[in-house]
C-alpha atoms as a PDB file:
ATOM      1  CA  UNK A   1     -21.851 -12.337  -2.950  1.00  0.00           C
ATOM      2  CA  UNK A   2     -20.872  -9.441  -0.663  1.00  0.00           C
ATOM      3  CA  UNK A   3     -23.741 -10.281   1.680  1.00  0.00           C
ATOM      4  CA  UNK A   4     -22.591 -13.897   1.933  1.00  0.00           C
ATOM      5  CA  UNK A   5     -18.979 -13.045   2.729  1.00  0.00           C
ATOM      6  CA  UNK A   6     -20.074 -10.445   5.294  1.00  0.00           C
ATOM      7  CA  UNK A   7     -22.389 -13.006   6.922  1.00  0.00           C
ATOM      8  CA  UNK A   8     -19.562 -15.564   6.945  1.00  0.00           C
ATOM      9  CA  UNK A   9     -17.219 -13.119   8.707  1.00  0.00           C
ATOM     10  CA  UNK A  10     -19.904 -12.208  11.221  1.00  0.00           C
ATOM     11  CA  UNK A  11     -20.685 -15.880  11.906  1.00  0.00           C
ATOM     12  CA  UNK A  12     -17.034 -16.317  12.914  1.00  0.00           C
ATOM     13  CA  UNK A  13     -17.121 -13.241  15.134  1.00  0.00           C
ATOM     14  CA  UNK A  14     -14.960 -11.257  12.719  1.00  0.00           C
ATOM     15  CA  UNK A  15     -15.421  -7.800  11.279  1.00  0.00           C
ATOM     16  CA  UNK A  16     -16.458  -7.997   7.620  1.00  0.00           C
ATOM     17  CA  UNK A  17     -13.762  -7.013   5.163  1.00  0.00           C
ATOM     18  CA  UNK A  18     -13.863  -3.614   3.562  1.00  0.00           C
ATOM     19  CA  UNK A  19     -14.255  -3.389  -0.223  1.00  0.00           C
ATOM     20  CA  UNK A  20     -10.574  -2.431  -0.394  1.00  0.00           C
ATOM     21  CA  UNK A  21      -9.525  -5.496   1.638  1.00  0.00           C
ATOM     22  CA  UNK A  22     -11.714  -7.762  -0.464  1.00  0.00           C
ATOM     23  CA  UNK A  23     -10.174  -6.363  -3.635  1.00  0.00           C
ATOM     24  CA  UNK A  24      -6.648  -6.923  -2.311  1.00  0.00           C
ATOM     25  CA  UNK A  25      -7.375 -10.544  -1.367  1.00  0.00           C
ATOM     26  CA  UNK A  26      -8.966 -11.217  -4.759  1.00  0.00           C
ATOM     27  CA  UNK A  27      -5.965  -9.653  -6.507  1.00  0.00           C
ATOM     28  CA  UNK A  28      -3.603 -11.820  -4.491  1.00  0.00           C
ATOM     29  CA  UNK A  29      -5.565 -14.975  -5.312  1.00  0.00           C
ATOM     30  CA  UNK A  30      -5.813 -14.064  -9.012  1.00  0.00           C
ATOM     31  CA  UNK A  31      -2.110 -13.313  -9.402  1.00  0.00           C
ATOM     32  CA  UNK A  32      -1.006 -16.454  -7.560  1.00  0.00           C
ATOM     33  CA  UNK A  33      -3.453 -18.608  -9.525  1.00  0.00           C
ATOM     34  CA  UNK A  34      -2.309 -17.258 -12.877  1.00  0.00           C
ATOM     35  CA  UNK A  35       1.391 -16.828 -12.266  1.00  0.00           C
ATOM     36  CA  UNK A  36       2.281 -19.609  -9.830  1.00  0.00           C
ATOM     37  CA  UNK A  37      -0.297 -22.383  -9.391  1.00  0.00           C
ATOM     38  CA  UNK A  38      -4.075 -22.235  -9.256  1.00  0.00           C
ATOM     39  CA  UNK A  39      -4.309 -24.495  -6.212  1.00  0.00           C
ATOM     40  CA  UNK A  40      -2.032 -22.173  -4.220  1.00  0.00           C
ATOM     41  CA  UNK A  41      -4.420 -19.213  -4.508  1.00  0.00           C
ATOM     42  CA  UNK A  42      -6.525 -20.135  -1.465  1.00  0.00           C
ATOM     43  CA  UNK A  43      -3.449 -21.139   0.531  1.00  0.00           C
ATOM     44  CA  UNK A  44      -1.714 -17.830  -0.192  1.00  0.00           C
ATOM     45  CA  UNK A  45      -4.883 -15.995   0.845  1.00  0.00           C
ATOM     46  CA  UNK A  46      -4.959 -18.002   4.073  1.00  0.00           C
ATOM     47  CA  UNK A  47      -1.324 -17.160   4.829  1.00  0.00           C
ATOM     48  CA  UNK A  48      -2.003 -13.472   4.154  1.00  0.00           C
ATOM     49  CA  UNK A  49      -4.980 -13.694   6.528  1.00  0.00           C
ATOM     50  CA  UNK A  50      -2.853 -15.271   9.254  1.00  0.00           C
ATOM     51  CA  UNK A  51      -0.370 -12.406   8.844  1.00  0.00           C
ATOM     52  CA  UNK A  52      -3.142  -9.819   9.016  1.00  0.00           C
ATOM     53  CA  UNK A  53      -4.596 -11.459  12.129  1.00  0.00           C
ATOM     54  CA  UNK A  54      -1.234 -11.484  13.886  1.00  0.00           C
ATOM     55  CA  UNK A  55      -0.500  -7.857  13.040  1.00  0.00           C
ATOM     56  CA  UNK A  56      -3.995  -6.796  14.122  1.00  0.00           C
ATOM     57  CA  UNK A  57      -3.648  -8.734  17.400  1.00  0.00           C
ATOM     58  CA  UNK A  58      -0.423  -6.819  18.014  1.00  0.00           C
ATOM     59  CA  UNK A  59      -2.323  -3.543  17.550  1.00  0.00           C
ATOM     60  CA  UNK A  60      -1.448  -2.909  13.908  1.00  0.00           C
ATOM     61  CA  UNK A  61      -3.687  -1.957  11.022  1.00  0.00           C
ATOM     62  CA  UNK A  62      -5.466  -4.723   9.116  1.00  0.00           C
ATOM     63  CA  UNK A  63      -5.309  -2.715   5.925  1.00  0.00           C
ATOM     64  CA  UNK A  64      -1.580  -2.012   6.270  1.00  0.00           C
ATOM     65  CA  UNK A  65      -0.844  -5.662   7.068  1.00  0.00           C
ATOM     66  CA  UNK A  66      -2.828  -6.816   4.045  1.00  0.00           C
ATOM     67  CA  UNK A  67      -0.995  -4.335   1.831  1.00  0.00           C
ATOM     68  CA  UNK A  68       2.302  -5.654   3.211  1.00  0.00           C
ATOM     69  CA  UNK A  69       1.289  -9.258   2.480  1.00  0.00           C
ATOM     70  CA  UNK A  70       0.181  -8.370  -1.047  1.00  0.00           C
ATOM     71  CA  UNK A  71       3.411  -6.472  -1.709  1.00  0.00           C
ATOM     72  CA  UNK A  72       5.497  -9.412  -0.464  1.00  0.00           C
ATOM     73  CA  UNK A  73       3.591 -11.898  -2.614  1.00  0.00           C
ATOM     74  CA  UNK A  74       3.720  -9.753  -5.752  1.00  0.00           C
ATOM     75  CA  UNK A  75       7.477  -9.316  -5.316  1.00  0.00           C
ATOM     76  CA  UNK A  76       7.883 -13.093  -5.298  1.00  0.00           C
ATOM     77  CA  UNK A  77       5.746 -13.843  -8.350  1.00  0.00           C
ATOM     78  CA  UNK A  78       7.378 -14.918 -11.597  1.00  0.00           C
ATOM     79  CA  UNK A  79       6.930 -12.590 -14.564  1.00  0.00           C
ATOM     80  CA  UNK A  80       3.573 -12.714 -16.290  1.00  0.00           C
ATOM     81  CA  UNK A  81       3.351 -15.067 -19.248  1.00  0.00           C
ATOM     82  CA  UNK A  82       3.985 -13.280 -22.501  1.00  0.00           C
ATOM     83  CA  UNK A  83       5.860 -10.407 -20.888  1.00  0.00           C
ATOM     84  CA  UNK A  84       9.262  -9.462 -22.115  1.00  0.00           C
ATOM     85  CA  UNK A  85      12.148  -8.808 -19.788  1.00  0.00           C
END
């Protein structure tokens, strides 16, 4: 799986994601799918990617931009099912 995603990035002329970036994107998709709506998981990942691309184009850090996007999304998520409070 990692080889495929790296090859996909390279085919688009992009730097492959680091394991940390991949983990953050998968966490975002998982949390959105489970706590909001499954079909919004890829869309939220796309929006996070657009944010990361813009920040990187402006000279910022990809990793920091991805962390910012993840933090923003997690802050907006409804409480997990079964949680109290």
